[in-house]
PDB file of N, CA and C in Angstrom:
ATOM      1  N   UNK A   1      23.133 -46.752 -30.509  1.00  0.00           N
ATOM      2  CA  UNK A   1      22.244 -45.802 -29.879  1.00  0.00           C
ATOM      3  C   UNK A   1      22.863 -44.403 -29.989  1.00  0.00           C
ATOM      4  N   UNK A   2      22.111 -43.400 -30.498  1.00  0.00           N
ATOM      5  CA  UNK A   2      22.673 -42.059 -30.667  1.00  0.00           C
ATOM      6  C   UNK A   2      22.952 -41.398 -29.316  1.00  0.00           C
ATOM      7  N   UNK A   3      23.976 -40.566 -29.307  1.00  0.00           N
ATOM      8  CA  UNK A   3      24.341 -39.847 -28.091  1.00  0.00           C
ATOM      9  C   UNK A   3      23.266 -38.821 -27.755  1.00  0.00           C
ATOM     10  N   UNK A   4      23.063 -38.603 -26.462  1.00  0.00           N
ATOM     11  CA  UNK A   4      22.097 -37.599 -26.014  1.00  0.00           C
ATOM     12  C   UNK A   4      22.611 -36.210 -26.362  1.00  0.00           C
ATOM     13  N   UNK A   5      21.746 -35.392 -26.900  1.00  0.00           N
ATOM     14  CA  UNK A   5      22.106 -34.005 -27.209  1.00  0.00           C
ATOM     15  C   UNK A   5      21.227 -33.074 -26.394  1.00  0.00           C
ATOM     16  N   UNK A   6      21.879 -32.160 -25.720  1.00  0.00           N
ATOM     17  CA  UNK A   6      21.138 -31.168 -24.957  1.00  0.00           C
ATOM     18  C   UNK A   6      20.393 -30.269 -25.942  1.00  0.00           C
ATOM     19  N   UNK A   7      19.101 -30.052 -25.744  1.00  0.00           N
ATOM     20  CA  UNK A   7      18.373 -29.193 -26.675  1.00  0.00           C
ATOM     21  C   UNK A   7      18.911 -27.768 -26.653  1.00  0.00           C
ATOM     22  N   UNK A   8      18.989 -27.154 -27.813  1.00  0.00           N
ATOM     23  CA  UNK A   8      19.456 -25.778 -27.892  1.00  0.00           C
ATOM     24  C   UNK A   8      18.322 -24.856 -27.468  1.00  0.00           C
ATOM     25  N   UNK A   9      18.607 -24.026 -26.488  1.00  0.00           N
ATOM     26  CA  UNK A   9      17.608 -23.083 -26.021  1.00  0.00           C
ATOM     27  C   UNK A   9      17.559 -21.897 -26.964  1.00  0.00           C
ATOM     28  N   UNK A  10      16.367 -21.467 -27.285  1.00  0.00           N
ATOM     29  CA  UNK A  10      16.165 -20.316 -28.165  1.00  0.00           C
ATOM     30  C   UNK A  10      15.028 -19.468 -27.619  1.00  0.00           C
ATOM     31  N   UNK A  11      15.068 -18.193 -27.900  1.00  0.00           N
ATOM     32  CA  UNK A  11      13.995 -17.280 -27.524  1.00  0.00           C
ATOM     33  C   UNK A  11      12.753 -17.647 -28.327  1.00  0.00           C
ATOM     34  N   UNK A  12      11.633 -17.749 -27.677  1.00  0.00           N
ATOM     35  CA  UNK A  12      10.403 -18.127 -28.376  1.00  0.00           C
ATOM     36  C   UNK A  12       9.932 -17.067 -29.370  1.00  0.00           C
ATOM     37  N   UNK A  13      10.306 -15.807 -29.161  1.00  0.00           N
ATOM     38  CA  UNK A  13       9.859 -14.729 -30.047  1.00  0.00           C
ATOM     39  C   UNK A  13      10.832 -14.446 -31.189  1.00  0.00           C
ATOM     40  N   UNK A  14      12.141 -14.519 -30.911  1.00  0.00           N
ATOM     41  CA  UNK A  14      13.128 -14.135 -31.925  1.00  0.00           C
ATOM     42  C   UNK A  14      13.866 -15.315 -32.536  1.00  0.00           C
ATOM     43  N   UNK A  15      13.889 -16.433 -31.828  1.00  0.00           N
ATOM     44  CA  UNK A  15      14.644 -17.597 -32.292  1.00  0.00           C
ATOM     45  C   UNK A  15      16.134 -17.470 -32.034  1.00  0.00           C
ATOM     46  N   UNK A  16      16.534 -16.417 -31.315  1.00  0.00           N
ATOM     47  CA  UNK A  16      17.957 -16.191 -31.042  1.00  0.00           C
ATOM     48  C   UNK A  16      18.391 -16.874 -29.756  1.00  0.00           C
ATOM     49  N   UNK A  17      19.702 -17.095 -29.656  1.00  0.00           N
ATOM     50  CA  UNK A  17      20.286 -17.694 -28.459  1.00  0.00           C
ATOM     51  C   UNK A  17      20.191 -16.703 -27.296  1.00  0.00           C
ATOM     52  N   UNK A  18      19.652 -17.125 -26.169  1.00  0.00           N
ATOM     53  CA  UNK A  18      19.565 -16.220 -25.028  1.00  0.00           C
ATOM     54  C   UNK A  18      20.822 -16.259 -24.159  1.00  0.00           C
ATOM     55  N   UNK A  19      21.185 -15.121 -23.603  1.00  0.00           N
ATOM     56  CA  UNK A  19      22.261 -15.024 -22.633  1.00  0.00           C
ATOM     57  C   UNK A  19      21.630 -14.510 -21.344  1.00  0.00           C
ATOM     58  N   UNK A  20      21.978 -15.100 -20.206  1.00  0.00           N
ATOM     59  CA  UNK A  20      21.291 -14.777 -18.957  1.00  0.00           C
ATOM     60  C   UNK A  20      21.548 -13.367 -18.421  1.00  0.00           C
ATOM     61  N   UNK A  21      22.677 -12.775 -18.827  1.00  0.00           N
ATOM     62  CA  UNK A  21      22.973 -11.434 -18.335  1.00  0.00           C
ATOM     63  C   UNK A  21      23.784 -10.653 -19.358  1.00  0.00           C
ATOM     64  N   UNK A  22      23.913  -9.369 -19.099  1.00  0.00           N
ATOM     65  CA  UNK A  22      24.609  -8.472 -20.020  1.00  0.00           C
ATOM     66  C   UNK A  22      26.076  -8.860 -20.195  1.00  0.00           C
ATOM     67  N   UNK A  23      26.716  -9.280 -19.115  1.00  0.00           N
ATOM     68  CA  UNK A  23      28.127  -9.644 -19.179  1.00  0.00           C
ATOM     69  C   UNK A  23      28.355 -10.849 -20.093  1.00  0.00           C
ATOM     70  N   UNK A  24      27.532 -11.865 -19.966  1.00  0.00           N
ATOM     71  CA  UNK A  24      27.673 -13.057 -20.815  1.00  0.00           C
ATOM     72  C   UNK A  24      27.474 -12.707 -22.287  1.00  0.00           C
ATOM     73  N   UNK A  25      26.473 -11.882 -22.569  1.00  0.00           N
ATOM     74  CA  UNK A  25      26.215 -11.467 -23.956  1.00  0.00           C
ATOM     75  C   UNK A  25      27.364 -10.625 -24.492  1.00  0.00           C
ATOM     76  N   UNK A  26      27.869  -9.725 -23.669  1.00  0.00           N
ATOM     77  CA  UNK A  26      28.960  -8.860 -24.081  1.00  0.00           C
ATOM     78  C   UNK A  26      30.235  -9.651 -24.366  1.00  0.00           C
ATOM     79  N   UNK A  27      30.535 -10.631 -23.517  1.00  0.00           N
ATOM     80  CA  UNK A  27      31.723 -11.465 -23.733  1.00  0.00           C
ATOM     81  C   UNK A  27      31.613 -12.248 -25.047  1.00  0.00           C
ATOM     82  N   UNK A  28      30.440 -12.802 -25.311  1.00  0.00           N
ATOM     83  CA  UNK A  28      30.241 -13.547 -26.561  1.00  0.00           C
ATOM     84  C   UNK A  28      30.312 -12.601 -27.760  1.00  0.00           C
ATOM     85  N   UNK A  29      29.734 -11.408 -27.643  1.00  0.00           N
ATOM     86  CA  UNK A  29      29.785 -10.431 -28.735  1.00  0.00           C
ATOM     87  C   UNK A  29      31.231 -10.044 -29.028  1.00  0.00           C
ATOM     88  N   UNK A  30      32.030  -9.818 -28.000  1.00  0.00           N
ATOM     89  CA  UNK A  30      33.440  -9.465 -28.196  1.00  0.00           C
ATOM     90  C   UNK A  30      34.190 -10.594 -28.893  1.00  0.00           C
ATOM     91  N   UNK A  31      33.956 -11.812 -28.434  1.00  0.00           N
ATOM     92  CA  UNK A  31      34.634 -12.973 -29.011  1.00  0.00           C
ATOM     93  C   UNK A  31      34.271 -13.161 -30.484  1.00  0.00           C
ATOM     94  N   UNK A  32      32.981 -13.096 -30.782  1.00  0.00           N
ATOM     95  CA  UNK A  32      32.539 -13.288 -32.171  1.00  0.00           C
ATOM     96  C   UNK A  32      32.939 -12.111 -33.057  1.00  0.00           C
ATOM     97  N   UNK A  33      32.954 -10.911 -32.492  1.00  0.00           N
ATOM     98  CA  UNK A  33      33.385  -9.731 -33.260  1.00  0.00           C
ATOM     99  C   UNK A  33      34.833  -9.878 -33.710  1.00  0.00           C
ATOM    100  N   UNK A  34      35.688 -10.369 -32.804  1.00  0.00           N
ATOM    101  CA  UNK A  34      37.092 -10.584 -33.172  1.00  0.00           C
ATOM    102  C   UNK A  34      37.220 -11.708 -34.194  1.00  0.00           C
ATOM    103  N   UNK A  35      36.494 -12.783 -33.966  1.00  0.00           N
ATOM    104  CA  UNK A  35      36.590 -13.945 -34.850  1.00  0.00           C
ATOM    105  C   UNK A  35      36.141 -13.628 -36.275  1.00  0.00           C
ATOM    106  N   UNK A  36      35.031 -12.915 -36.404  1.00  0.00           N
ATOM    107  CA  UNK A  36      34.463 -12.651 -37.730  1.00  0.00           C
ATOM    108  C   UNK A  36      34.726 -11.240 -38.235  1.00  0.00           C
ATOM    109  N   UNK A  37      35.509 -10.464 -37.470  1.00  0.00           N
ATOM    110  CA  UNK A  37      35.881  -9.098 -37.865  1.00  0.00           C
ATOM    111  C   UNK A  37      34.660  -8.262 -38.264  1.00  0.00           C
ATOM    112  N   UNK A  38      33.713  -8.206 -37.356  1.00  0.00           N
ATOM    113  CA  UNK A  38      32.490  -7.451 -37.570  1.00  0.00           C
ATOM    114  C   UNK A  38      32.066  -6.802 -36.259  1.00  0.00           C
ATOM    115  N   UNK A  39      31.094  -5.933 -36.301  1.00  0.00           N
ATOM    116  CA  UNK A  39      30.569  -5.301 -35.095  1.00  0.00           C
ATOM    117  C   UNK A  39      29.269  -5.979 -34.708  1.00  0.00           C
ATOM    118  N   UNK A  40      29.171  -6.368 -33.465  1.00  0.00           N
ATOM    119  CA  UNK A  40      27.942  -6.944 -32.945  1.00  0.00           C
ATOM    120  C   UNK A  40      27.415  -6.060 -31.821  1.00  0.00           C
ATOM    121  N   UNK A  41      26.125  -6.108 -31.636  1.00  0.00           N
ATOM    122  CA  UNK A  41      25.460  -5.332 -30.607  1.00  0.00           C
ATOM    123  C   UNK A  41      24.698  -6.283 -29.693  1.00  0.00           C
ATOM    124  N   UNK A  42      24.497  -5.870 -28.466  1.00  0.00           N
ATOM    125  CA  UNK A  42      23.708  -6.679 -27.539  1.00  0.00           C
ATOM    126  C   UNK A  42      22.476  -5.883 -27.131  1.00  0.00           C
ATOM    127  N   UNK A  43      21.409  -6.599 -26.830  1.00  0.00           N
ATOM    128  CA  UNK A  43      20.197  -5.933 -26.361  1.00  0.00           C
ATOM    129  C   UNK A  43      19.414  -6.848 -25.435  1.00  0.00           C
ATOM    130  N   UNK A  44      18.640  -6.239 -24.576  1.00  0.00           N
ATOM    131  CA  UNK A  44      17.787  -6.969 -23.653  1.00  0.00           C
ATOM    132  C   UNK A  44      16.450  -7.206 -24.353  1.00  0.00           C
ATOM    133  N   UNK A  45      16.071  -8.465 -24.468  1.00  0.00           N
ATOM    134  CA  UNK A  45      14.859  -8.849 -25.195  1.00  0.00           C
ATOM    135  C   UNK A  45      13.603  -8.519 -24.378  1.00  0.00           C
ATOM    136  N   UNK A  46      12.673  -7.780 -24.965  1.00  0.00           N
ATOM    137  CA  UNK A  46      11.446  -7.448 -24.238  1.00  0.00           C
ATOM    138  C   UNK A  46      10.504  -8.645 -24.077  1.00  0.00           C
ATOM    139  N   UNK A  47      10.706  -9.701 -24.865  1.00  0.00           N
ATOM    140  CA  UNK A  47       9.811 -10.857 -24.805  1.00  0.00           C
ATOM    141  C   UNK A  47      10.267 -11.918 -23.806  1.00  0.00           C
ATOM    142  N   UNK A  48      11.552 -12.230 -23.787  1.00  0.00           N
ATOM    143  CA  UNK A  48      12.005 -13.304 -22.890  1.00  0.00           C
ATOM    144  C   UNK A  48      12.804 -12.786 -21.702  1.00  0.00           C
ATOM    145  N   UNK A  49      13.235 -11.520 -21.755  1.00  0.00           N
ATOM    146  CA  UNK A  49      13.978 -10.934 -20.645  1.00  0.00           C
ATOM    147  C   UNK A  49      15.469 -11.253 -20.633  1.00  0.00           C
ATOM    148  N   UNK A  50      15.926 -12.074 -21.570  1.00  0.00           N
ATOM    149  CA  UNK A  50      17.350 -12.397 -21.680  1.00  0.00           C
ATOM    150  C   UNK A  50      18.023 -11.415 -22.624  1.00  0.00           C
ATOM    151  N   UNK A  51      19.325 -11.593 -22.816  1.00  0.00           N
ATOM    152  CA  UNK A  51      20.103 -10.746 -23.714  1.00  0.00           C
ATOM    153  C   UNK A  51      20.383 -11.499 -24.996  1.00  0.00           C
ATOM    154  N   UNK A  52      20.408 -10.776 -26.131  1.00  0.00           N
ATOM    155  CA  UNK A  52      20.678 -11.363 -27.442  1.00  0.00           C
ATOM    156  C   UNK A  52      21.743 -10.543 -28.162  1.00  0.00           C
ATOM    157  N   UNK A  53      22.289 -11.136 -29.236  1.00  0.00           N
ATOM    158  CA  UNK A  53      23.243 -10.461 -30.112  1.00  0.00           C
ATOM    159  C   UNK A  53      22.552 -10.119 -31.421  1.00  0.00           C
ATOM    160  N   UNK A  54      22.984  -9.038 -32.040  1.00  0.00           N
ATOM    161  CA  UNK A  54      22.454  -8.665 -33.347  1.00  0.00           C
ATOM    162  C   UNK A  54      23.522  -7.912 -34.133  1.00  0.00           C
ATOM    163  N   UNK A  55      23.391  -7.938 -35.466  1.00  0.00           N
ATOM    164  CA  UNK A  55      24.291  -7.182 -36.339  1.00  0.00           C
ATOM    165  C   UNK A  55      23.709  -5.808 -36.651  1.00  0.00           C
ATOM    166  N   UNK A  56      22.438  -5.613 -36.348  1.00  0.00           N
ATOM    167  CA  UNK A  56      21.793  -4.343 -36.670  1.00  0.00           C
ATOM    168  C   UNK A  56      22.219  -3.256 -35.692  1.00  0.00           C
ATOM    169  N   UNK A  57      22.602  -2.098 -36.222  1.00  0.00           N
ATOM    170  CA  UNK A  57      22.985  -0.992 -35.339  1.00  0.00           C
ATOM    171  C   UNK A  57      21.772  -0.536 -34.524  1.00  0.00           C
ATOM    172  N   UNK A  58      22.028   0.012 -33.353  1.00  0.00           N
ATOM    173  CA  UNK A  58      20.922   0.448 -32.498  1.00  0.00           C
ATOM    174  C   UNK A  58      20.180   1.653 -33.062  1.00  0.00           C
ATOM    175  N   UNK A  59      18.882   1.679 -32.822  1.00  0.00           N
ATOM    176  CA  UNK A  59      18.095   2.863 -33.184  1.00  0.00           C
ATOM    177  C   UNK A  59      18.310   3.931 -32.123  1.00  0.00           C
ATOM    178  N   UNK A  60      18.584   3.457 -30.903  1.00  0.00           N
ATOM    179  CA  UNK A  60      18.814   4.354 -29.786  1.00  0.00           C
ATOM    180  C   UNK A  60      19.916   3.762 -28.916  1.00  0.00           C
ATOM    181  N   UNK A  61      20.808   4.591 -28.446  1.00  0.00           N
ATOM    182  CA  UNK A  61      21.888   4.082 -27.598  1.00  0.00           C
ATOM    183  C   UNK A  61      21.358   3.590 -26.260  1.00  0.00           C
ATOM    184  N   UNK A  62      20.135   3.961 -25.925  1.00  0.00           N
ATOM    185  CA  UNK A  62      19.547   3.519 -24.661  1.00  0.00           C
ATOM    186  C   UNK A  62      19.055   2.077 -24.752  1.00  0.00           C
ATOM    187  N   UNK A  63      18.813   1.569 -25.977  1.00  0.00           N
ATOM    188  CA  UNK A  63      18.249   0.231 -26.100  1.00  0.00           C
ATOM    189  C   UNK A  63      19.273  -0.838 -26.459  1.00  0.00           C
ATOM    190  N   UNK A  64      20.312  -0.472 -27.162  1.00  0.00           N
ATOM    191  CA  UNK A  64      21.322  -1.450 -27.555  1.00  0.00           C
ATOM    192  C   UNK A  64      22.696  -0.985 -27.117  1.00  0.00           C
ATOM    193  N   UNK A  65      23.541  -1.920 -26.782  1.00  0.00           N
ATOM    194  CA  UNK A  65      24.915  -1.604 -26.406  1.00  0.00           C
ATOM    195  C   UNK A  65      25.838  -2.177 -27.448  1.00  0.00           C
ATOM    196  N   UNK A  66      26.784  -1.353 -27.893  1.00  0.00           N
ATOM    197  CA  UNK A  66      27.684  -1.770 -28.954  1.00  0.00           C
ATOM    198  C   UNK A  66      28.895  -2.522 -28.409  1.00  0.00           C
ATOM    199  N   UNK A  67      29.315  -3.524 -29.145  1.00  0.00           N
ATOM    200  CA  UNK A  67      30.495  -4.277 -28.769  1.00  0.00           C
ATOM    201  C   UNK A  67      31.422  -4.321 -29.975  1.00  0.00           C
ATOM    202  N   UNK A  68      32.641  -3.833 -29.822  1.00  0.00           N
ATOM    203  CA  UNK A  68      33.592  -3.794 -30.913  1.00  0.00           C
ATOM    204  C   UNK A  68      34.558  -4.959 -30.817  1.00  0.00           C
ATOM    205  N   UNK A  69      34.903  -5.535 -31.965  1.00  0.00           N
ATOM    206  CA  UNK A  69      35.964  -6.530 -31.991  1.00  0.00           C
ATOM    207  C   UNK A  69      37.296  -5.848 -31.758  1.00  0.00           C
ATOM    208  N   UNK A  70      38.152  -6.464 -30.960  1.00  0.00           N
ATOM    209  CA  UNK A  70      39.454  -5.848 -30.657  1.00  0.00           C
ATOM    210  C   UNK A  70      40.556  -6.710 -31.168  1.00  0.00           C
TER     211      UNK A  70
END
């Protein structure tokens, strides 16, 4: 019998992994930025209300927050 797998939650509009708050998204962005040596940005999704990560630079500093790998 196969092991139970928790379904992966995804945003219905973007298909991206949702983070419940800015801090959780920022921590994941920092971790992945260091791991993959790239810059990631976080933004609040207008469709689901959660936070997501993206590689695209912000069009406006008011809409996206930058996270640098350290």
